[in-house]
Amino acid sequence: MDSVKDILKDIKKERELKKEKPFEQEQLFDVDKLETNPKKIFGDKYKYISKEYQVYGLRLSSQLGDRKRTTMYIKWAKEKPRAILETALRFTTDYPNAKDKSRIFMWKVKELEKEYAEKKENVKKEQLH
């Protein structure tokens, strides 16, 4: 059994390692074990995918049939609330005969963000009164 002193030393070492790499995002789970591993699905082009939001962005681009803007979808998956993206995707899938699903998706994301901002403003106004 480790002594308290040894445990504290281990904790200090871990903290020092984290301080050396402050901007590195922690990995939630191992992407390699997923059945929908982008490395298996997309081949060598996306072999450096390691984060969950990257997988989600790739999934968005494939469901919308828009491989040109894959990096944009990855960025959105990282920055935008997942609820907005999921709602817009569900809205877009209701148009099976649409020529360009990505345009519908982007329009819906814009509309949902406006609604979200308006709700936030209304809540702030109510809190001030």
C-alpha atoms as a PDB file:
ATOM      1  CA  MET A   1       0.000   0.000   0.000  1.00  0.00           C
ATOM      2  CA  ASP A   2       1.312   3.432  -0.937  1.00  0.00           C
ATOM      3  CA  SER A   3       1.910   6.010   1.694  1.00  0.00           C
ATOM      4  CA  VAL A   4       0.244   9.399   1.607  1.00  0.00           C
ATOM      5  CA  LYS A   5       3.575  10.954   0.736  1.00  0.00           C
ATOM      6  CA  ASP A   6       3.926   8.740  -2.370  1.00  0.00           C
ATOM      7  CA  ILE A   7       0.377   9.509  -3.485  1.00  0.00           C
ATOM      8  CA  LEU A   8       0.982  13.251  -3.143  1.00  0.00           C
ATOM      9  CA  LYS A   9       4.180  12.967  -5.199  1.00  0.00           C
ATOM     10  CA  ASP A  10       2.267  11.171  -7.956  1.00  0.00           C
ATOM     11  CA  ILE A  11      -0.412  13.873  -7.969  1.00  0.00           C
ATOM     12  CA  LYS A  12       2.237  16.601  -8.221  1.00  0.00           C
ATOM     13  CA  LYS A  13       3.867  14.830 -11.171  1.00  0.00           C
ATOM     14  CA  GLU A  14       0.524  14.585 -12.961  1.00  0.00           C
ATOM     15  CA  ARG A  15      -0.151  18.277 -12.399  1.00  0.00           C
ATOM     16  CA  GLU A  16       3.269  19.216 -13.740  1.00  0.00           C
ATOM     17  CA  LEU A  17       2.670  17.173 -16.868  1.00  0.00           C
ATOM     18  CA  LYS A  18      -0.675  18.914 -17.376  1.00  0.00           C
ATOM     19  CA  LYS A  19       0.956  22.331 -16.963  1.00  0.00           C
ATOM     20  CA  GLU A  20       3.408  21.521 -19.763  1.00  0.00           C
ATOM     21  CA  LYS A  21       0.508  20.855 -22.158  1.00  0.00           C
ATOM     22  CA  PRO A  22      -2.253  23.249 -21.033  1.00  0.00           C
ATOM     23  CA  PHE A  23      -4.062  23.489 -24.395  1.00  0.00           C
ATOM     24  CA  GLU A  24      -4.255  19.802 -25.152  1.00  0.00           C
ATOM     25  CA  GLN A  25      -7.799  18.511 -25.089  1.00  0.00           C
ATOM     26  CA  GLU A  26      -8.323  15.324 -23.126  1.00  0.00           C
ATOM     27  CA  GLN A  27      -9.598  12.328 -25.036  1.00  0.00           C
ATOM     28  CA  LEU A  28     -12.986  11.129 -23.823  1.00  0.00           C
ATOM     29  CA  PHE A  29     -12.734   7.661 -25.311  1.00  0.00           C
ATOM     30  CA  ASP A  30     -10.666   5.705 -27.790  1.00  0.00           C
ATOM     31  CA  VAL A  31     -11.955   6.447 -31.282  1.00  0.00           C
ATOM     32  CA  ASP A  32     -10.100   3.440 -32.720  1.00  0.00           C
ATOM     33  CA  LYS A  33     -12.504   1.040 -30.988  1.00  0.00           C
ATOM     34  CA  LEU A  34     -15.623   2.550 -32.561  1.00  0.00           C
ATOM     35  CA  GLU A  35     -17.469   0.627 -35.242  1.00  0.00           C
ATOM     36  CA  THR A  36     -17.948   3.920 -37.065  1.00  0.00           C
ATOM     37  CA  ASN A  37     -14.258   4.718 -36.923  1.00  0.00           C
ATOM     38  CA  PRO A  38     -13.599   7.433 -39.524  1.00  0.00           C
ATOM     39  CA  LYS A  39     -10.230   5.877 -40.287  1.00  0.00           C
ATOM     40  CA  LYS A  40     -12.029   2.755 -41.483  1.00  0.00           C
ATOM     41  CA  ILE A  41     -14.853   4.586 -43.243  1.00  0.00           C
ATOM     42  CA  PHE A  42     -13.002   7.430 -44.963  1.00  0.00           C
ATOM     43  CA  GLY A  43      -9.594   5.841 -45.521  1.00  0.00           C
ATOM     44  CA  ASP A  44      -6.284   7.686 -45.394  1.00  0.00           C
ATOM     45  CA  LYS A  45      -7.713  11.147 -46.015  1.00  0.00           C
ATOM     46  CA  TYR A  46      -9.063  11.417 -42.464  1.00  0.00           C
ATOM     47  CA  LYS A  47      -6.611   9.151 -40.689  1.00  0.00           C
ATOM     48  CA  TYR A  48      -5.659  11.758 -38.101  1.00  0.00           C
ATOM     49  CA  ILE A  49      -9.120  11.956 -36.525  1.00  0.00           C
ATOM     50  CA  SER A  50      -8.808  11.511 -32.767  1.00  0.00           C
ATOM     51  CA  LYS A  51     -11.481  13.638 -31.092  1.00  0.00           C
ATOM     52  CA  GLU A  52     -15.203  13.025 -30.761  1.00  0.00           C
ATOM     53  CA  TYR A  53     -16.206  16.349 -32.319  1.00  0.00           C
ATOM     54  CA  GLN A  54     -14.164  15.481 -35.417  1.00  0.00           C
ATOM     55  CA  VAL A  55     -16.071  12.229 -35.802  1.00  0.00           C
ATOM     56  CA  TYR A  56     -19.342  14.115 -35.367  1.00  0.00           C
ATOM     57  CA  GLY A  57     -18.341  16.691 -38.006  1.00  0.00           C
ATOM     58  CA  LEU A  58     -17.488  13.914 -40.446  1.00  0.00           C
ATOM     59  CA  ARG A  59     -20.821  12.251 -39.742  1.00  0.00           C
ATOM     60  CA  LEU A  60     -22.611  15.529 -40.446  1.00  0.00           C
ATOM     61  CA  SER A  61     -20.817  16.020 -43.752  1.00  0.00           C
ATOM     62  CA  SER A  62     -21.568  12.481 -44.887  1.00  0.00           C
ATOM     63  CA  GLN A  63     -25.257  12.649 -43.906  1.00  0.00           C
ATOM     64  CA  LEU A  64     -25.635  15.943 -45.725  1.00  0.00           C
ATOM     65  CA  GLY A  65     -23.673  14.706 -48.739  1.00  0.00           C
ATOM     66  CA  ASP A  66     -21.282  17.654 -48.530  1.00  0.00           C
ATOM     67  CA  ARG A  67     -17.691  16.427 -48.407  1.00  0.00           C
ATOM     68  CA  LYS A  68     -16.340  19.785 -49.645  1.00  0.00           C
ATOM     69  CA  ARG A  69     -17.183  21.502 -46.357  1.00  0.00           C
ATOM     70  CA  THR A  70     -16.077  18.750 -43.983  1.00  0.00           C
ATOM     71  CA  THR A  71     -13.713  21.049 -42.105  1.00  0.00           C
ATOM     72  CA  MET A  72     -16.519  23.557 -41.550  1.00  0.00           C
ATOM     73  CA  TYR A  73     -18.734  20.851 -40.049  1.00  0.00           C
ATOM     74  CA  ILE A  74     -15.882  19.728 -37.789  1.00  0.00           C
ATOM     75  CA  LYS A  75     -15.400  23.312 -36.628  1.00  0.00           C
ATOM     76  CA  TRP A  76     -19.126  23.714 -36.003  1.00  0.00           C
ATOM     77  CA  ALA A  77     -19.199  20.443 -34.058  1.00  0.00           C
ATOM     78  CA  LYS A  78     -16.488  21.844 -31.820  1.00  0.00           C
ATOM     79  CA  GLU A  79     -17.916  25.338 -31.323  1.00  0.00           C
ATOM     80  CA  LYS A  80     -21.705  25.223 -31.687  1.00  0.00           C
ATOM     81  CA  PRO A  81     -24.124  23.648 -29.211  1.00  0.00           C
ATOM     82  CA  ARG A  82     -24.822  20.055 -30.151  1.00  0.00           C
ATOM     83  CA  ALA A  83     -28.561  20.521 -29.621  1.00  0.00           C
ATOM     84  CA  ILE A  84     -28.712  23.128 -32.389  1.00  0.00           C
ATOM     85  CA  LEU A  85     -26.800  20.917 -34.817  1.00  0.00           C
ATOM     86  CA  GLU A  86     -28.916  17.861 -34.026  1.00  0.00           C
ATOM     87  CA  THR A  87     -32.174  19.796 -34.438  1.00  0.00           C
ATOM     88  CA  ALA A  88     -31.024  21.241 -37.765  1.00  0.00           C
ATOM     89  CA  LEU A  89     -29.938  17.803 -38.967  1.00  0.00           C
ATOM     90  CA  ARG A  90     -33.313  16.274 -38.065  1.00  0.00           C
ATOM     91  CA  PHE A  91     -35.030  19.162 -39.862  1.00  0.00           C
ATOM     92  CA  THR A  92     -32.857  18.604 -42.940  1.00  0.00           C
ATOM     93  CA  THR A  93     -33.508  14.872 -43.112  1.00  0.00           C
ATOM     94  CA  ASP A  94     -37.227  15.647 -43.462  1.00  0.00           C
ATOM     95  CA  TYR A  95     -36.421  16.886 -46.989  1.00  0.00           C
ATOM     96  CA  PRO A  96     -35.392  13.664 -48.772  1.00  0.00           C
ATOM     97  CA  ASN A  97     -35.746  15.141 -52.284  1.00  0.00           C
ATOM     98  CA  ALA A  98     -33.778  18.333 -51.579  1.00  0.00           C
ATOM     99  CA  LYS A  99     -31.119  19.191 -54.150  1.00  0.00           C
ATOM    100  CA  ASP A 100     -28.700  20.620 -51.603  1.00  0.00           C
ATOM    101  CA  LYS A 101     -29.285  19.452 -48.025  1.00  0.00           C
ATOM    102  CA  SER A 102     -26.282  21.424 -46.787  1.00  0.00           C
ATOM    103  CA  ARG A 103     -27.971  24.744 -47.639  1.00  0.00           C
ATOM    104  CA  ILE A 104     -31.098  23.763 -45.730  1.00  0.00           C
ATOM    105  CA  PHE A 105     -28.935  22.656 -42.800  1.00  0.00           C
ATOM    106  CA  MET A 106     -26.951  25.907 -42.702  1.00  0.00           C
ATOM    107  CA  TRP A 107     -30.126  27.988 -42.942  1.00  0.00           C
ATOM    108  CA  LYS A 108     -31.732  26.053 -40.083  1.00  0.00           C
ATOM    109  CA  VAL A 109     -28.620  26.390 -37.902  1.00  0.00           C
ATOM    110  CA  LYS A 110     -28.728  30.148 -38.478  1.00  0.00           C
ATOM    111  CA  GLU A 111     -32.432  30.302 -37.539  1.00  0.00           C
ATOM    112  CA  LEU A 112     -31.930  28.192 -34.415  1.00  0.00           C
ATOM    113  CA  GLU A 113     -29.018  30.357 -33.295  1.00  0.00           C
ATOM    114  CA  LYS A 114     -31.214  33.458 -33.654  1.00  0.00           C
ATOM    115  CA  GLU A 115     -33.924  31.821 -31.549  1.00  0.00           C
ATOM    116  CA  TYR A 116     -31.367  30.752 -28.953  1.00  0.00           C
ATOM    117  CA  ALA A 117     -29.938  34.300 -28.742  1.00  0.00           C
ATOM    118  CA  GLU A 118     -33.426  35.808 -28.410  1.00  0.00           C
ATOM    119  CA  LYS A 119     -34.308  33.423 -25.599  1.00  0.00           C
ATOM    120  CA  LYS A 120     -31.088  34.331 -23.806  1.00  0.00           C
ATOM    121  CA  GLU A 121     -31.869  38.044 -24.112  1.00  0.00           C
ATOM    122  CA  ASN A 122     -35.405  37.525 -22.819  1.00  0.00           C
ATOM    123  CA  VAL A 123     -34.119  35.601 -19.814  1.00  0.00           C
ATOM    124  CA  LYS A 124     -31.603  38.359 -19.054  1.00  0.00           C
ATOM    125  CA  LYS A 125     -34.305  41.015 -19.327  1.00  0.00           C
ATOM    126  CA  GLU A 126     -36.569  39.068 -16.974  1.00  0.00           C
ATOM    127  CA  GLN A 127     -33.760  38.670 -14.457  1.00  0.00           C
ATOM    128  CA  LEU A 128     -33.100  42.417 -14.467  1.00  0.00           C
ATOM    129  CA  HIS A 129     -36.736  43.266 -13.722  1.00  0.00           C
END
